[in-house]
Amino acid sequence: MLPFTLCIIKNNKEELLMLFRNKKPNKDKWNFVGGKIEPGETHEQAAIREAEEETGLTIKEIIYRGVVK
């Protein structure tokens, strides 16, 4: 299994951004932004890329919280 990111994005009002998924495997479910880490990418680079791909947002600050195994 490839490693992936899960990004919890919040604004200055402490509101969290979630997406309602339209594709399998999480179709019709709410989830946070994220996706597979591509070969050669760091966790941070993948989080920034996924956030932009899925939301159009440019992330300016990342707080890395760790790895779940």
C-alpha atoms as a PDB file:
ATOM      1  CA  MET A   1       0.000   0.000   0.000  1.00  0.00           C
ATOM      2  CA  LEU A   2       1.282   3.459  -0.899  1.00  0.00           C
ATOM      3  CA  PRO A   3       1.582   6.098   1.821  1.00  0.00           C
ATOM      4  CA  PHE A   4      -0.983   8.878   1.746  1.00  0.00           C
ATOM      5  CA  THR A   5      -1.751  12.239   3.291  1.00  0.00           C
ATOM      6  CA  LEU A   6      -4.742  13.351   5.288  1.00  0.00           C
ATOM      7  CA  CYS A   7      -4.957  17.123   5.574  1.00  0.00           C
ATOM      8  CA  ILE A   8      -7.036  18.834   8.205  1.00  0.00           C
ATOM      9  CA  ILE A   9      -7.397  22.372   6.881  1.00  0.00           C
ATOM     10  CA  LYS A  10      -8.816  25.061   9.135  1.00  0.00           C
ATOM     11  CA  ASN A  11      -9.360  28.758   8.651  1.00  0.00           C
ATOM     12  CA  ASN A  12      -8.754  31.601  11.089  1.00  0.00           C
ATOM     13  CA  LYS A  13     -12.195  30.959  12.628  1.00  0.00           C
ATOM     14  CA  GLU A  14     -11.120  27.387  13.521  1.00  0.00           C
ATOM     15  CA  GLU A  15     -13.597  25.966  10.963  1.00  0.00           C
ATOM     16  CA  LEU A  16     -12.535  22.700   9.282  1.00  0.00           C
ATOM     17  CA  LEU A  17     -12.703  22.032   5.543  1.00  0.00           C
ATOM     18  CA  MET A  18     -14.188  18.707   4.493  1.00  0.00           C
ATOM     19  CA  LEU A  19     -15.119  17.354   1.069  1.00  0.00           C
ATOM     20  CA  PHE A  20     -18.189  15.338   0.082  1.00  0.00           C
ATOM     21  CA  ARG A  21     -16.672  12.600  -2.072  1.00  0.00           C
ATOM     22  CA  ASN A  22     -18.181  11.751  -5.466  1.00  0.00           C
ATOM     23  CA  LYS A  23     -15.877   8.864  -6.411  1.00  0.00           C
ATOM     24  CA  LYS A  24     -15.170   5.422  -4.991  1.00  0.00           C
ATOM     25  CA  PRO A  25     -13.926   4.223  -2.554  1.00  0.00           C
ATOM     26  CA  ASN A  26     -15.404   7.010  -0.384  1.00  0.00           C
ATOM     27  CA  LYS A  27     -18.352   7.971  -2.592  1.00  0.00           C
ATOM     28  CA  ASP A  28     -21.148   9.780  -0.721  1.00  0.00           C
ATOM     29  CA  LYS A  29     -19.024  10.255   2.398  1.00  0.00           C
ATOM     30  CA  TRP A  30     -17.516  13.330   4.044  1.00  0.00           C
ATOM     31  CA  ASN A  31     -13.729  13.243   4.356  1.00  0.00           C
ATOM     32  CA  PHE A  32     -10.738  15.505   4.754  1.00  0.00           C
ATOM     33  CA  VAL A  33      -8.479  16.506   1.862  1.00  0.00           C
ATOM     34  CA  GLY A  34      -5.734  14.037   0.999  1.00  0.00           C
ATOM     35  CA  GLY A  35      -4.378  11.393  -1.280  1.00  0.00           C
ATOM     36  CA  LYS A  36      -1.416   9.258  -2.237  1.00  0.00           C
ATOM     37  CA  ILE A  37       2.128  10.498  -1.764  1.00  0.00           C
ATOM     38  CA  GLU A  38       3.893  10.289  -5.115  1.00  0.00           C
ATOM     39  CA  PRO A  39       7.387   8.769  -5.394  1.00  0.00           C
ATOM     40  CA  GLY A  40      10.031  11.340  -4.419  1.00  0.00           C
ATOM     41  CA  GLU A  41       7.548  13.609  -2.616  1.00  0.00           C
ATOM     42  CA  THR A  42       7.773  14.539   1.035  1.00  0.00           C
ATOM     43  CA  HIS A  43       4.667  14.372   3.219  1.00  0.00           C
ATOM     44  CA  GLU A  44       4.540  18.176   3.184  1.00  0.00           C
ATOM     45  CA  GLN A  45       4.856  18.442  -0.595  1.00  0.00           C
ATOM     46  CA  ALA A  46       2.078  15.882  -1.061  1.00  0.00           C
ATOM     47  CA  ALA A  47      -0.219  17.734   1.353  1.00  0.00           C
ATOM     48  CA  ILE A  48       0.303  21.024  -0.486  1.00  0.00           C
ATOM     49  CA  ARG A  49      -0.274  19.366  -3.881  1.00  0.00           C
ATOM     50  CA  GLU A  50      -3.377  17.465  -2.779  1.00  0.00           C
ATOM     51  CA  ALA A  51      -4.905  20.566  -1.174  1.00  0.00           C
ATOM     52  CA  GLU A  52      -4.422  22.537  -4.382  1.00  0.00           C
ATOM     53  CA  GLU A  53      -5.676  19.720  -6.639  1.00  0.00           C
ATOM     54  CA  GLU A  54      -8.785  19.032  -4.574  1.00  0.00           C
ATOM     55  CA  THR A  55      -9.741  22.536  -3.408  1.00  0.00           C
ATOM     56  CA  GLY A  56      -7.797  25.101  -5.425  1.00  0.00           C
ATOM     57  CA  LEU A  57      -6.329  26.460  -2.173  1.00  0.00           C
ATOM     58  CA  THR A  58      -2.671  27.366  -1.800  1.00  0.00           C
ATOM     59  CA  ILE A  59      -1.520  26.222   1.626  1.00  0.00           C
ATOM     60  CA  LYS A  60       0.912  28.610   3.305  1.00  0.00           C
ATOM     61  CA  GLU A  61       1.603  26.826   6.584  1.00  0.00           C
ATOM     62  CA  ILE A  62       1.742  23.136   7.438  1.00  0.00           C
ATOM     63  CA  ILE A  63       1.957  21.689  10.907  1.00  0.00           C
ATOM     64  CA  TYR A  64       3.170  18.121  10.522  1.00  0.00           C
ATOM     65  CA  ARG A  65       1.534  15.838  13.112  1.00  0.00           C
ATOM     66  CA  GLY A  66       3.044  12.465  12.338  1.00  0.00           C
ATOM     67  CA  VAL A  67       2.539   9.108  10.690  1.00  0.00           C
ATOM     68  CA  VAL A  68      -0.238   6.602  11.310  1.00  0.00           C
ATOM     69  CA  LYS A  69       0.685   2.974  10.610  1.00  0.00           C
END
